Amino acid sequence: MKNRIILWGSMGLVFAAMAVAGGFVYFHTYSPDRNKYPVRGIDVSHHQGQIDWRRAAADDVAFAIIKATEGGDHVDRAFATNLREARAAGIAVGAYHFFTFCRPGADQAKNFISVVPHDQPLLPPVVDVEFGGNCPQRPSPEQLNAELQAFLGPVEAAFGKTAIVYLTDEAEAAYAGQIAARPLWLRSLLVEPDRHDWVYWQYHNRGRVDGIEGDVDLNVLQGGPAVLAALSTTSPGSILPEAPPSP
């Protein structure tokens, strides 16, 4: 009996180890159905260090959303280099702003507009709304909406495009449907979003891409290469395509 108990215990440990290993592999290899979402991209900042953009482009990276600014005066030190080198590698590029809760939206718009070039093809500007790394106070939807509108108005006028709002899971739960009605970039790690009105889906926060040392956020676009090309157009007043209706 004792030997049988030891045997069953050992088998249980083996199955547990297999389950952990399977979960590890699933986490690190997960990718959405490429037939459904054929266009993959990344979002980066100075935290990714020096990037070999040509190698990244060769590793199925079609677009990159690059951090430009944060708050009213911070500029990401790698923005200009990342923008220039990613574009040179043939990658569609865009810029994002990390929106802080403790600076007026108008001040933040001035910061973003002063840093991001206006005379180059760019994907729509993105404003990043999340709680992690933000000011401790969480504004009400009404307060946040007022400051976001103060940011979005000047930014959209400057770049001639409808902006995209990035929401983490937590921010989506707190604010989606209650703040600026804009196309969405949703963060939903390893699980397809349960809503369909998004432009970008960030599906991984510890992905690996050739040319980048360490982890990087991975995303897909809703639509194919033609949609990506349309988003990059420089025509004033470009409006993003509508997301397909829910099945």
Protein backbone atom coordinates (compact mmCIF):
# COMPACT_ATOMS: atom_id res chain seq x y z
CA MET A 1 0.00 0.00 0.00
CA LYS A 2 2.80 2.38 0.90
CA ASN A 3 4.50 1.79 -2.49
CA ARG A 4 1.19 2.38 -4.25
CA ILE A 5 0.73 5.69 -2.44
CA ILE A 6 4.25 6.74 -3.42
CA LEU A 7 3.57 5.75 -7.03
CA TRP A 8 0.34 7.75 -7.20
CA GLY A 9 2.06 10.69 -5.55
CA SER A 10 4.86 10.58 -8.09
CA MET A 11 2.42 10.38 -10.96
CA GLY A 12 0.54 13.38 -9.58
CA LEU A 13 3.76 15.38 -9.50
CA VAL A 14 4.53 14.38 -13.09
CA PHE A 15 1.06 15.47 -14.30
CA ALA A 16 1.36 18.73 -12.38
CA ALA A 17 4.76 19.41 -13.95
CA MET A 18 3.34 18.63 -17.40
CA ALA A 19 0.46 21.05 -16.81
CA VAL A 20 2.86 23.81 -15.72
CA ALA A 21 5.11 23.17 -18.72
CA GLY A 22 2.10 23.22 -21.04
CA GLY A 23 0.92 26.49 -19.59
CA PHE A 24 4.39 27.99 -19.98
CA VAL A 25 4.57 26.96 -23.63
CA TYR A 26 1.06 28.24 -24.31
CA PHE A 27 1.85 31.61 -22.72
CA HIS A 28 5.03 32.16 -24.67
CA THR A 29 3.82 30.85 -28.03
CA TYR A 30 0.25 32.19 -28.11
CA SER A 31 -0.70 34.04 -31.26
CA PRO A 32 -4.14 34.89 -32.66
CA ASP A 33 -5.36 33.10 -35.78
CA ARG A 34 -3.27 34.68 -38.54
CA ASN A 35 -5.89 33.85 -41.17
CA LYS A 36 -8.30 36.03 -39.21
CA TYR A 37 -5.77 38.69 -38.15
CA PRO A 38 -2.91 38.66 -40.67
CA VAL A 39 -1.30 41.98 -39.70
CA ARG A 40 0.91 41.93 -36.60
CA GLY A 41 2.56 44.86 -34.86
CA ILE A 42 4.33 45.94 -31.69
CA ASP A 43 4.29 48.89 -29.32
CA VAL A 44 7.58 50.10 -27.87
CA SER A 45 9.30 52.76 -25.82
CA HIS A 46 12.83 53.34 -24.56
CA HIS A 47 12.34 50.32 -22.28
CA GLN A 48 13.01 48.03 -25.26
CA GLY A 49 16.48 49.50 -25.64
CA GLN A 50 18.16 49.67 -29.03
CA ILE A 51 16.04 47.90 -31.65
CA ASP A 52 17.24 46.37 -34.89
CA TRP A 53 14.21 47.42 -36.90
CA ARG A 54 15.18 45.60 -40.08
CA ARG A 55 15.31 42.31 -38.21
CA ALA A 56 11.98 43.14 -36.56
CA ALA A 57 10.42 43.87 -39.94
CA ALA A 58 11.65 40.53 -41.23
CA ASP A 59 10.04 38.84 -38.20
CA ASP A 60 6.47 39.62 -39.24
CA VAL A 61 6.21 43.12 -37.73
CA ALA A 62 4.09 45.25 -40.06
CA PHE A 63 3.37 48.19 -37.77
CA ALA A 64 4.80 49.84 -34.66
CA ILE A 65 3.14 52.24 -32.25
CA ILE A 66 5.96 54.16 -30.59
CA LYS A 67 5.81 56.06 -27.32
CA ALA A 68 6.36 59.76 -27.94
CA THR A 69 5.32 61.62 -24.82
CA GLU A 70 3.86 61.42 -21.33
CA GLY A 71 2.05 64.08 -19.36
CA GLY A 72 2.78 67.72 -20.00
CA ASP A 73 6.53 67.70 -20.54
CA HIS A 74 8.06 64.20 -20.72
CA VAL A 75 9.45 63.01 -24.05
CA ASP A 76 10.48 59.38 -24.57
CA ARG A 77 14.20 59.52 -25.28
CA ALA A 78 14.06 56.78 -27.93
CA PHE A 79 11.10 58.18 -29.87
CA ALA A 80 12.88 60.03 -32.66
CA THR A 81 15.32 57.17 -33.30
CA ASN A 82 12.62 54.50 -33.19
CA LEU A 83 10.36 56.46 -35.53
CA ARG A 84 13.10 57.10 -38.06
CA GLU A 85 14.57 53.60 -38.08
CA ALA A 86 11.23 51.76 -38.07
CA ARG A 87 10.06 53.82 -41.03
CA ALA A 88 13.35 53.15 -42.85
CA ALA A 89 12.77 49.42 -42.34
CA GLY A 90 9.41 49.66 -44.14
CA ILE A 91 7.24 49.41 -41.04
CA ALA A 92 4.06 51.50 -40.73
CA VAL A 93 4.58 53.77 -37.73
CA GLY A 94 2.45 55.70 -35.30
CA ALA A 95 2.94 57.56 -32.01
CA TYR A 96 1.25 57.29 -28.65
CA HIS A 97 0.94 59.53 -25.61
CA PHE A 98 0.66 58.25 -22.04
CA PHE A 99 -2.16 60.28 -20.52
CA THR A 100 -1.60 61.29 -16.90
CA PHE A 101 -4.46 62.05 -14.55
CA CYS A 102 -2.66 64.95 -12.83
CA ARG A 103 -1.99 67.28 -15.78
CA PRO A 104 -4.55 69.21 -17.84
CA GLY A 105 -5.37 67.58 -21.16
CA ALA A 106 -4.55 70.78 -23.05
CA ASP A 107 -1.00 70.80 -21.67
CA GLN A 108 -0.55 67.18 -22.67
CA ALA A 109 -1.78 67.89 -26.19
CA LYS A 110 0.83 70.64 -26.58
CA ASN A 111 3.55 68.22 -25.53
CA PHE A 112 2.48 65.55 -28.01
CA ILE A 113 1.99 67.98 -30.91
CA SER A 114 5.39 69.58 -30.33
CA VAL A 115 7.23 66.24 -30.50
CA VAL A 116 5.48 64.16 -33.18
CA PRO A 117 6.20 65.24 -36.80
CA HIS A 118 3.23 66.49 -38.84
CA ASP A 119 4.76 66.12 -42.31
CA GLN A 120 5.20 62.33 -42.48
CA PRO A 121 2.77 59.44 -43.06
CA LEU A 122 1.66 58.23 -39.66
CA LEU A 123 -0.92 55.88 -38.21
CA PRO A 124 -3.62 57.66 -36.19
CA PRO A 125 -2.41 59.23 -32.92
CA VAL A 126 -3.04 57.14 -29.82
CA VAL A 127 -3.78 58.24 -26.26
CA ASP A 128 -2.94 55.61 -23.65
CA VAL A 129 -5.34 55.50 -20.68
CA GLU A 130 -4.35 53.14 -17.89
CA PHE A 131 -3.89 53.06 -14.12
CA GLY A 132 -0.46 51.41 -13.90
CA GLY A 133 2.28 54.01 -13.52
CA ASN A 134 -0.26 56.83 -13.45
CA CYS A 135 -1.05 59.47 -10.85
CA PRO A 136 -2.73 57.95 -7.78
CA GLN A 137 -6.09 59.67 -8.11
CA ARG A 138 -8.61 58.05 -10.45
CA PRO A 139 -10.84 60.65 -12.06
CA SER A 140 -14.53 60.06 -12.55
CA PRO A 141 -15.64 59.32 -16.11
CA GLU A 142 -16.93 62.88 -16.36
CA GLN A 143 -13.63 64.38 -15.19
CA LEU A 144 -11.54 62.15 -17.43
CA ASN A 145 -13.77 62.77 -20.42
CA ALA A 146 -13.40 66.54 -20.06
CA GLU A 147 -9.59 66.33 -19.96
CA LEU A 148 -9.46 63.78 -22.77
CA GLN A 149 -11.54 66.02 -24.98
CA ALA A 150 -9.13 68.88 -24.22
CA PHE A 151 -6.34 66.59 -25.44
CA LEU A 152 -8.09 65.05 -28.42
CA GLY A 153 -9.42 68.25 -29.97
CA PRO A 154 -6.01 69.88 -30.63
CA VAL A 155 -4.31 66.56 -31.49
CA GLU A 156 -6.91 65.54 -34.06
CA ALA A 157 -6.85 69.02 -35.57
CA ALA A 158 -3.05 68.94 -35.81
CA PHE A 159 -2.82 65.52 -37.44
CA GLY A 160 -6.08 65.48 -39.38
CA LYS A 161 -7.08 62.06 -38.11
CA THR A 162 -9.45 60.53 -35.62
CA ALA A 163 -7.40 59.40 -32.62
CA ILE A 164 -7.45 55.94 -31.07
CA VAL A 165 -7.90 55.38 -27.32
CA TYR A 166 -5.86 52.57 -25.71
CA LEU A 167 -7.48 50.96 -22.68
CA THR A 168 -6.13 48.28 -20.39
CA ASP A 169 -8.59 45.70 -19.06
CA GLU A 170 -9.00 47.68 -15.83
CA ALA A 171 -9.45 51.02 -17.56
CA GLU A 172 -11.91 49.50 -20.00
CA ALA A 173 -14.01 48.20 -17.12
CA ALA A 174 -13.95 51.64 -15.46
CA TYR A 175 -14.38 53.92 -18.47
CA ALA A 176 -15.41 52.20 -21.71
CA GLY A 177 -18.64 53.65 -23.01
CA GLN A 178 -18.39 56.62 -20.64
CA ILE A 179 -15.52 58.59 -22.15
CA ALA A 180 -14.57 59.99 -25.55
CA ALA A 181 -16.24 57.97 -28.28
CA ARG A 182 -13.21 56.95 -30.32
CA PRO A 183 -11.97 53.77 -31.97
CA LEU A 184 -10.32 51.51 -29.43
CA TRP A 185 -7.06 49.69 -28.88
CA LEU A 186 -7.80 47.00 -26.32
CA ARG A 187 -5.47 45.04 -24.07
CA SER A 188 -6.68 41.47 -23.59
CA LEU A 189 -3.80 39.13 -22.91
CA LEU A 190 -4.05 35.67 -24.52
CA VAL A 191 -7.83 36.03 -24.94
CA GLU A 192 -9.64 37.61 -27.86
CA PRO A 193 -11.64 40.67 -26.73
CA ASP A 194 -15.32 39.97 -26.16
CA ARG A 195 -16.22 43.13 -28.06
CA HIS A 196 -15.59 43.84 -31.73
CA ASP A 197 -15.27 47.63 -31.96
CA TRP A 198 -11.48 47.71 -31.78
CA VAL A 199 -8.76 48.68 -34.25
CA TYR A 200 -5.78 47.12 -32.43
CA TRP A 201 -5.75 44.21 -30.01
CA GLN A 202 -2.76 43.88 -27.67
CA TYR A 203 -2.69 40.14 -27.05
CA HIS A 204 0.70 39.68 -25.38
CA ASN A 205 2.87 41.71 -23.01
CA ARG A 206 5.89 39.39 -22.97
CA GLY A 207 6.27 38.54 -26.60
CA ARG A 208 9.53 38.01 -28.40
CA VAL A 209 10.54 39.58 -31.70
CA ASP A 210 13.81 39.24 -33.57
CA GLY A 211 15.83 42.42 -33.23
CA ILE A 212 14.54 43.21 -29.72
CA GLU A 213 16.22 41.94 -26.57
CA GLY A 214 13.68 41.00 -23.92
CA ASP A 215 9.93 41.26 -23.83
CA VAL A 216 7.76 43.38 -26.09
CA ASP A 217 4.01 43.97 -26.44
CA LEU A 218 2.43 42.19 -29.42
CA ASN A 219 -0.67 43.37 -31.28
CA VAL A 220 -2.84 42.59 -34.25
CA LEU A 221 -4.86 44.87 -36.48
CA GLN A 222 -8.52 44.33 -37.21
CA GLY A 223 -8.30 44.01 -40.98
CA GLY A 224 -5.67 43.23 -43.58
CA PRO A 225 -2.85 45.16 -45.29
CA ALA A 226 -5.32 47.42 -47.10
CA VAL A 227 -6.67 48.66 -43.77
CA LEU A 228 -3.14 49.31 -42.51
CA ALA A 229 -2.38 51.29 -45.66
CA ALA A 230 -5.57 53.31 -45.22
CA LEU A 231 -4.72 54.11 -41.62
CA SER A 232 -1.32 55.42 -42.71
CA THR A 233 -2.72 57.82 -45.28
CA THR A 234 -1.84 61.47 -44.85
CA SER A 235 -5.14 62.80 -46.20
CA PRO A 236 -6.69 65.31 -43.74
CA GLY A 237 -9.76 64.23 -41.85
CA SER A 238 -9.19 60.51 -42.39
CA ILE A 239 -11.82 58.47 -40.63
CA LEU A 240 -11.07 54.98 -39.44
CA PRO A 241 -13.06 52.10 -40.92
CA GLU A 242 -15.91 50.83 -38.83
CA ALA A 243 -15.37 47.60 -36.96
CA PRO A 244 -17.46 44.65 -38.17
CA PRO A 245 -20.69 44.04 -36.26
CA SER A 246 -20.78 41.46 -33.52
CA PRO A 247 -21.62 37.98 -34.81
